[in-house]
Amino acid sequence: MLDLFPPEGRQEIGEGAVLLHGRALAHQHALLAAIETIAARSPFRRMVTPGGFQMSVAMTNCGRVGWVTDRSGYRYDPNDPETGTPWPDMPEVFATLAREAAREAGFDGFAPEACLVNRYEPGTRLSLHQDKDERNYAHPVVSVSLGLPATFQFGGLKRSDRPTKVPLQHGDVVVWGGPSRLAFHGVAALKDGEHPLTGRRRYNLTFRKAL
């Protein structure tokens, strides 16, 4: 029912951090179709951290560069290390949504070069972390939620800061930048459920200007 009647408008979740309720709903079918096209060229995989731990969330990328992690570290790479070929181009529906959402949140001129596509299954989670592998922190991060609902954890500039729990529904978009650009954030373990468009899955699109 929450997907049929999403909360309207915007919600401030921090200084420079905004939740745009249902902002992506008008593009939901195009976004999900584009994810399938991307995954056909660069399949989802569970990457390994520099410490040797396999992430529970499956990932792929599109855009000029893609975010990767392995035993050598975190980085952006123009090529998919599994295929040896460039990441798929960023679909126009992705880039347009990211630009418009950033502008609505107060960050005009955002031009994403990378989109990390995360696939969550019940029980998977993303621990608190900072997005700090980018060269310029003047640009915001734009995050789009599709599929099963999730609890977004949005903290402060220190890992020890107690995070705010922000419920996210299908179609919600979160934008953070400025004073909140390096805020710690994560996703609590995904609860089981069934979404009419994605089944027992949640997808997250995270847009960044990386270079």
C-alpha atoms as a PDB file:
ATOM      1  CA  MET A   1       0.000   0.000   0.000  1.00  0.00           C
ATOM      2  CA  LEU A   2       2.899   2.358   0.675  1.00  0.00           C
ATOM      3  CA  ASP A   3       4.009   1.960  -2.948  1.00  0.00           C
ATOM      4  CA  LEU A   4       0.535   2.906  -4.187  1.00  0.00           C
ATOM      5  CA  PHE A   5       0.223   5.912  -1.876  1.00  0.00           C
ATOM      6  CA  PRO A   6       3.770   7.137  -1.154  1.00  0.00           C
ATOM      7  CA  PRO A   7       4.384  10.131   1.163  1.00  0.00           C
ATOM      8  CA  GLU A   8       4.557  13.333  -0.828  1.00  0.00           C
ATOM      9  CA  GLY A   9       7.228  15.959  -0.989  1.00  0.00           C
ATOM     10  CA  ARG A  10      10.635  16.227   0.582  1.00  0.00           C
ATOM     11  CA  GLN A  11      12.045  15.447   3.983  1.00  0.00           C
ATOM     12  CA  GLU A  12      15.209  16.961   5.424  1.00  0.00           C
ATOM     13  CA  ILE A  13      17.264  14.197   7.040  1.00  0.00           C
ATOM     14  CA  GLY A  14      20.401  16.241   7.726  1.00  0.00           C
ATOM     15  CA  GLU A  15      22.156  19.451   6.792  1.00  0.00           C
ATOM     16  CA  GLY A  16      22.430  19.192   3.012  1.00  0.00           C
ATOM     17  CA  ALA A  17      20.624  15.831   2.982  1.00  0.00           C
ATOM     18  CA  VAL A  18      17.148  15.431   1.501  1.00  0.00           C
ATOM     19  CA  LEU A  19      14.737  12.541   0.970  1.00  0.00           C
ATOM     20  CA  LEU A  20      12.527  13.044  -2.091  1.00  0.00           C
ATOM     21  CA  HIS A  21       9.555  10.765  -1.527  1.00  0.00           C
ATOM     22  CA  GLY A  22       8.507   8.791  -4.610  1.00  0.00           C
ATOM     23  CA  ARG A  23      10.651  10.917  -6.936  1.00  0.00           C
ATOM     24  CA  ALA A  24      11.596   7.968  -9.178  1.00  0.00           C
ATOM     25  CA  LEU A  25       8.140   6.382  -9.461  1.00  0.00           C
ATOM     26  CA  ALA A  26       7.389   7.985 -12.828  1.00  0.00           C
ATOM     27  CA  HIS A  27      10.455   6.231 -14.264  1.00  0.00           C
ATOM     28  CA  GLN A  28      10.256   2.916 -12.387  1.00  0.00           C
ATOM     29  CA  HIS A  29       9.718   0.647 -15.393  1.00  0.00           C
ATOM     30  CA  ALA A  30      12.436   2.294 -17.485  1.00  0.00           C
ATOM     31  CA  LEU A  31      14.879   2.157 -14.570  1.00  0.00           C
ATOM     32  CA  LEU A  32      14.286  -1.539 -13.940  1.00  0.00           C
ATOM     33  CA  ALA A  33      14.534  -2.391 -17.634  1.00  0.00           C
ATOM     34  CA  ALA A  34      17.837  -0.515 -17.802  1.00  0.00           C
ATOM     35  CA  ILE A  35      19.187  -2.478 -14.830  1.00  0.00           C
ATOM     36  CA  GLU A  36      18.509  -5.728 -16.703  1.00  0.00           C
ATOM     37  CA  THR A  37      20.333  -4.410 -19.774  1.00  0.00           C
ATOM     38  CA  ILE A  38      23.335  -3.356 -17.678  1.00  0.00           C
ATOM     39  CA  ALA A  39      23.499  -6.695 -15.864  1.00  0.00           C
ATOM     40  CA  ALA A  40      23.406  -8.581 -19.169  1.00  0.00           C
ATOM     41  CA  ARG A  41      26.728  -6.959 -20.102  1.00  0.00           C
ATOM     42  CA  SER A  42      28.305  -6.615 -16.643  1.00  0.00           C
ATOM     43  CA  PRO A  43      26.707  -9.208 -14.352  1.00  0.00           C
ATOM     44  CA  PHE A  44      26.068  -8.649 -10.669  1.00  0.00           C
ATOM     45  CA  ARG A  45      28.815  -9.975  -8.409  1.00  0.00           C
ATOM     46  CA  ARG A  46      29.701  -9.972  -4.717  1.00  0.00           C
ATOM     47  CA  MET A  47      32.942  -8.052  -4.537  1.00  0.00           C
ATOM     48  CA  VAL A  48      35.722  -8.684  -2.031  1.00  0.00           C
ATOM     49  CA  THR A  49      36.984  -5.970   0.319  1.00  0.00           C
ATOM     50  CA  PRO A  50      40.700  -5.207   0.789  1.00  0.00           C
ATOM     51  CA  GLY A  51      40.469  -7.185   4.025  1.00  0.00           C
ATOM     52  CA  GLY A  52      39.360 -10.284   2.141  1.00  0.00           C
ATOM     53  CA  PHE A  53      35.687 -10.249   3.139  1.00  0.00           C
ATOM     54  CA  GLN A  54      33.044 -10.927   0.505  1.00  0.00           C
ATOM     55  CA  MET A  55      30.284  -8.315   0.517  1.00  0.00           C
ATOM     56  CA  SER A  56      26.743  -9.581   1.029  1.00  0.00           C
ATOM     57  CA  VAL A  57      25.310  -7.092  -1.478  1.00  0.00           C
ATOM     58  CA  ALA A  58      25.743  -7.929  -5.181  1.00  0.00           C
ATOM     59  CA  MET A  59      26.972  -5.077  -7.353  1.00  0.00           C
ATOM     60  CA  THR A  60      27.574  -3.874 -10.895  1.00  0.00           C
ATOM     61  CA  ASN A  61      28.181  -0.465 -12.497  1.00  0.00           C
ATOM     62  CA  CYS A  62      27.469   1.741 -15.464  1.00  0.00           C
ATOM     63  CA  GLY A  63      28.942   5.013 -16.632  1.00  0.00           C
ATOM     64  CA  ARG A  64      32.333   6.409 -17.514  1.00  0.00           C
ATOM     65  CA  VAL A  65      33.877   4.586 -14.560  1.00  0.00           C
ATOM     66  CA  GLY A  66      32.684   1.992 -12.058  1.00  0.00           C
ATOM     67  CA  TRP A  67      33.407   1.561  -8.356  1.00  0.00           C
ATOM     68  CA  VAL A  68      35.217  -1.668  -7.530  1.00  0.00           C
ATOM     69  CA  THR A  69      36.832  -3.275  -4.526  1.00  0.00           C
ATOM     70  CA  ASP A  70      39.264  -6.176  -4.284  1.00  0.00           C
ATOM     71  CA  ARG A  71      42.291  -7.170  -2.255  1.00  0.00           C
ATOM     72  CA  SER A  72      44.263  -4.251  -3.760  1.00  0.00           C
ATOM     73  CA  GLY A  73      41.825  -1.601  -2.500  1.00  0.00           C
ATOM     74  CA  TYR A  74      38.840   0.587  -3.356  1.00  0.00           C
ATOM     75  CA  ARG A  75      38.902   2.526  -6.622  1.00  0.00           C
ATOM     76  CA  TYR A  76      37.117   3.675  -9.763  1.00  0.00           C
ATOM     77  CA  ASP A  77      37.984   1.799 -12.929  1.00  0.00           C
ATOM     78  CA  PRO A  78      36.865   2.488 -16.518  1.00  0.00           C
ATOM     79  CA  ASN A  79      36.752  -1.255 -17.202  1.00  0.00           C
ATOM     80  CA  ASP A  80      34.810  -4.091 -15.632  1.00  0.00           C
ATOM     81  CA  PRO A  81      37.530  -6.317 -14.109  1.00  0.00           C
ATOM     82  CA  GLU A  82      35.443  -9.437 -14.793  1.00  0.00           C
ATOM     83  CA  THR A  83      34.906  -8.811 -18.496  1.00  0.00           C
ATOM     84  CA  GLY A  84      37.924  -6.618 -19.289  1.00  0.00           C
ATOM     85  CA  THR A  85      35.653  -4.286 -21.268  1.00  0.00           C
ATOM     86  CA  PRO A  86      34.297  -0.813 -20.446  1.00  0.00           C
ATOM     87  CA  TRP A  87      31.309  -0.627 -18.140  1.00  0.00           C
ATOM     88  CA  PRO A  88      27.966  -0.174 -19.914  1.00  0.00           C
ATOM     89  CA  ASP A  89      27.079   3.402 -20.769  1.00  0.00           C
ATOM     90  CA  MET A  90      24.891   5.189 -18.262  1.00  0.00           C
ATOM     91  CA  PRO A  91      21.291   5.118 -19.553  1.00  0.00           C
ATOM     92  CA  GLU A  92      19.841   8.561 -20.199  1.00  0.00           C
ATOM     93  CA  VAL A  93      16.947   7.863 -17.809  1.00  0.00           C
ATOM     94  CA  PHE A  94      19.527   7.301 -15.054  1.00  0.00           C
ATOM     95  CA  ALA A  95      21.497  10.482 -15.771  1.00  0.00           C
ATOM     96  CA  THR A  96      18.412  12.664 -16.156  1.00  0.00           C
ATOM     97  CA  LEU A  97      16.847  11.458 -12.906  1.00  0.00           C
ATOM     98  CA  ALA A  98      20.123  11.982 -11.009  1.00  0.00           C
ATOM     99  CA  ARG A  99      20.594  15.512 -12.383  1.00  0.00           C
ATOM    100  CA  GLU A 100      17.011  16.553 -11.687  1.00  0.00           C
ATOM    101  CA  ALA A 101      16.919  15.073  -8.183  1.00  0.00           C
ATOM    102  CA  ALA A 102      20.203  16.786  -7.298  1.00  0.00           C
ATOM    103  CA  ARG A 103      18.876  20.101  -8.554  1.00  0.00           C
ATOM    104  CA  GLU A 104      15.663  19.719  -6.543  1.00  0.00           C
ATOM    105  CA  ALA A 105      17.771  19.055  -3.452  1.00  0.00           C
ATOM    106  CA  GLY A 106      19.763  22.248  -4.003  1.00  0.00           C
ATOM    107  CA  PHE A 107      22.752  20.926  -5.967  1.00  0.00           C
ATOM    108  CA  ASP A 108      22.434  22.306  -9.474  1.00  0.00           C
ATOM    109  CA  GLY A 109      24.877  21.212 -12.171  1.00  0.00           C
ATOM    110  CA  PHE A 110      25.420  17.651 -10.948  1.00  0.00           C
ATOM    111  CA  ALA A 111      26.791  15.473 -13.779  1.00  0.00           C
ATOM    112  CA  PRO A 112      27.281  11.866 -12.593  1.00  0.00           C
ATOM    113  CA  GLU A 113      30.091   9.847 -14.129  1.00  0.00           C
ATOM    114  CA  ALA A 114      29.446   6.626 -12.213  1.00  0.00           C
ATOM    115  CA  CYS A 115      26.402   4.674 -11.103  1.00  0.00           C
ATOM    116  CA  LEU A 116      26.902   1.803  -8.692  1.00  0.00           C
ATOM    117  CA  VAL A 117      23.976  -0.627  -8.900  1.00  0.00           C
ATOM    118  CA  ASN A 118      23.430  -2.641  -5.715  1.00  0.00           C
ATOM    119  CA  ARG A 119      21.159  -5.686  -5.492  1.00  0.00           C
ATOM    120  CA  TYR A 120      19.880  -6.617  -2.048  1.00  0.00           C
ATOM    121  CA  GLU A 121      18.269  -9.914  -1.069  1.00  0.00           C
ATOM    122  CA  PRO A 122      16.576 -10.570   2.285  1.00  0.00           C
ATOM    123  CA  GLY A 123      19.181 -10.552   5.044  1.00  0.00           C
ATOM    124  CA  THR A 124      21.791  -8.552   3.117  1.00  0.00           C
ATOM    125  CA  ARG A 125      22.999  -5.256   4.536  1.00  0.00           C
ATOM    126  CA  LEU A 126      25.523  -2.497   3.956  1.00  0.00           C
ATOM    127  CA  SER A 127      27.541  -1.452   6.979  1.00  0.00           C
ATOM    128  CA  LEU A 128      28.160   2.186   7.857  1.00  0.00           C
ATOM    129  CA  HIS A 129      30.717   3.765   5.545  1.00  0.00           C
ATOM    130  CA  GLN A 130      31.682   7.025   3.853  1.00  0.00           C
ATOM    131  CA  ASP A 131      31.719   7.646   0.113  1.00  0.00           C
ATOM    132  CA  LYS A 132      35.217   9.069  -0.105  1.00  0.00           C
ATOM    133  CA  ASP A 133      36.859   7.457  -3.140  1.00  0.00           C
ATOM    134  CA  GLU A 134      35.848  10.412  -5.306  1.00  0.00           C
ATOM    135  CA  ARG A 135      38.281  13.206  -6.181  1.00  0.00           C
ATOM    136  CA  ASN A 136      36.000  16.144  -5.397  1.00  0.00           C
ATOM    137  CA  TYR A 137      33.604  16.212  -2.460  1.00  0.00           C
ATOM    138  CA  ALA A 138      31.894  19.374  -3.725  1.00  0.00           C
ATOM    139  CA  HIS A 139      29.420  17.194  -5.626  1.00  0.00           C
ATOM    140  CA  PRO A 140      26.540  15.348  -3.935  1.00  0.00           C
ATOM    141  CA  VAL A 141      25.619  11.670  -3.888  1.00  0.00           C
ATOM    142  CA  VAL A 142      22.235  10.680  -5.345  1.00  0.00           C
ATOM    143  CA  SER A 143      20.700   7.374  -4.226  1.00  0.00           C
ATOM    144  CA  VAL A 144      17.585   5.785  -5.783  1.00  0.00           C
ATOM    145  CA  SER A 145      15.603   2.977  -4.107  1.00  0.00           C
ATOM    146  CA  LEU A 146      13.644   0.385  -6.092  1.00  0.00           C
ATOM    147  CA  GLY A 147      11.839  -2.722  -4.889  1.00  0.00           C
ATOM    148  CA  LEU A 148      11.548  -3.920  -1.305  1.00  0.00           C
ATOM    149  CA  PRO A 149      11.501  -1.280   1.436  1.00  0.00           C
ATOM    150  CA  ALA A 150      14.665  -0.707   3.433  1.00  0.00           C
ATOM    151  CA  THR A 151      15.941   1.182   6.459  1.00  0.00           C
ATOM    152  CA  PHE A 152      18.577   3.731   5.492  1.00  0.00           C
ATOM    153  CA  GLN A 153      20.972   4.596   8.298  1.00  0.00           C
ATOM    154  CA  PHE A 154      22.248   8.165   8.010  1.00  0.00           C
ATOM    155  CA  GLY A 155      24.865   9.211  10.531  1.00  0.00           C
ATOM    156  CA  GLY A 156      27.373  11.966  11.104  1.00  0.00           C
ATOM    157  CA  LEU A 157      30.971  12.645  10.144  1.00  0.00           C
ATOM    158  CA  LYS A 158      32.265  10.164  12.732  1.00  0.00           C
ATOM    159  CA  ARG A 159      31.559   6.449  12.698  1.00  0.00           C
ATOM    160  CA  SER A 160      30.599   6.675  16.362  1.00  0.00           C
ATOM    161  CA  ASP A 161      27.802   9.201  15.646  1.00  0.00           C
ATOM    162  CA  ARG A 162      24.422   7.600  16.190  1.00  0.00           C
ATOM    163  CA  PRO A 163      22.686   7.255  12.795  1.00  0.00           C
ATOM    164  CA  THR A 164      19.123   8.290  12.053  1.00  0.00           C
ATOM    165  CA  LYS A 165      16.927   5.479  10.750  1.00  0.00           C
ATOM    166  CA  VAL A 166      15.163   6.593   7.568  1.00  0.00           C
ATOM    167  CA  PRO A 167      12.515   4.265   6.042  1.00  0.00           C
ATOM    168  CA  LEU A 168      12.850   4.052   2.264  1.00  0.00           C
ATOM    169  CA  GLN A 169      10.134   2.911  -0.102  1.00  0.00           C
ATOM    170  CA  HIS A 170      10.139   1.961  -3.772  1.00  0.00           C
ATOM    171  CA  GLY A 171      10.805   5.114  -5.807  1.00  0.00           C
ATOM    172  CA  ASP A 172      12.383   7.202  -3.048  1.00  0.00           C
ATOM    173  CA  VAL A 173      15.492   9.256  -3.825  1.00  0.00           C
ATOM    174  CA  VAL A 174      17.997  10.488  -1.242  1.00  0.00           C
ATOM    175  CA  VAL A 175      20.483  13.261  -2.024  1.00  0.00           C
ATOM    176  CA  TRP A 176      23.274  14.337   0.302  1.00  0.00           C
ATOM    177  CA  GLY A 177      26.074  16.798  -0.128  1.00  0.00           C
ATOM    178  CA  GLY A 178      27.630  19.931   1.343  1.00  0.00           C
ATOM    179  CA  PRO A 179      28.061  19.520   5.111  1.00  0.00           C
ATOM    180  CA  SER A 180      26.693  15.955   4.889  1.00  0.00           C
ATOM    181  CA  ARG A 181      28.761  14.811   1.908  1.00  0.00           C
ATOM    182  CA  LEU A 182      31.040  12.603   4.037  1.00  0.00           C
ATOM    183  CA  ALA A 183      28.361  11.428   6.447  1.00  0.00           C
ATOM    184  CA  PHE A 184      28.533   7.773   7.439  1.00  0.00           C
ATOM    185  CA  HIS A 185      25.598   5.840   6.029  1.00  0.00           C
ATOM    186  CA  GLY A 186      24.444   2.289   5.468  1.00  0.00           C
ATOM    187  CA  VAL A 187      21.458  -0.008   5.044  1.00  0.00           C
ATOM    188  CA  ALA A 188      20.077  -2.274   7.777  1.00  0.00           C
ATOM    189  CA  ALA A 189      19.543  -5.960   6.991  1.00  0.00           C
ATOM    190  CA  LEU A 190      16.804  -6.210   4.375  1.00  0.00           C
ATOM    191  CA  LYS A 191      13.586  -7.761   5.630  1.00  0.00           C
ATOM    192  CA  ASP A 192      11.928 -10.488   3.604  1.00  0.00           C
ATOM    193  CA  GLY A 193       9.000  -9.571   1.426  1.00  0.00           C
ATOM    194  CA  GLU A 194       7.611  -9.562  -2.084  1.00  0.00           C
ATOM    195  CA  HIS A 195       7.489  -6.553  -4.376  1.00  0.00           C
ATOM    196  CA  PRO A 196       5.256  -6.658  -7.475  1.00  0.00           C
ATOM    197  CA  LEU A 197       8.063  -5.442  -9.761  1.00  0.00           C
ATOM    198  CA  THR A 198      11.244  -6.857  -8.219  1.00  0.00           C
ATOM    199  CA  GLY A 199      10.098  -9.887  -6.240  1.00  0.00           C
ATOM    200  CA  ARG A 200      12.253 -10.581  -3.173  1.00  0.00           C
ATOM    201  CA  ARG A 201      14.838  -7.965  -4.120  1.00  0.00           C
ATOM    202  CA  ARG A 202      15.760  -4.340  -3.638  1.00  0.00           C
ATOM    203  CA  TYR A 203      17.871  -2.361  -6.091  1.00  0.00           C
ATOM    204  CA  ASN A 204      19.779   0.781  -5.249  1.00  0.00           C
ATOM    205  CA  LEU A 205      21.298   3.171  -7.777  1.00  0.00           C
ATOM    206  CA  THR A 206      24.051   5.359  -6.345  1.00  0.00           C
ATOM    207  CA  PHE A 207      25.227   8.204  -8.578  1.00  0.00           C
ATOM    208  CA  ARG A 208      28.503  10.005  -8.044  1.00  0.00           C
ATOM    209  CA  LYS A 209      30.827  12.404  -9.822  1.00  0.00           C
ATOM    210  CA  ALA A 210      33.982  10.381  -9.406  1.00  0.00           C
ATOM    211  CA  LEU A 211      36.727  12.119 -11.351  1.00  0.00           C
END
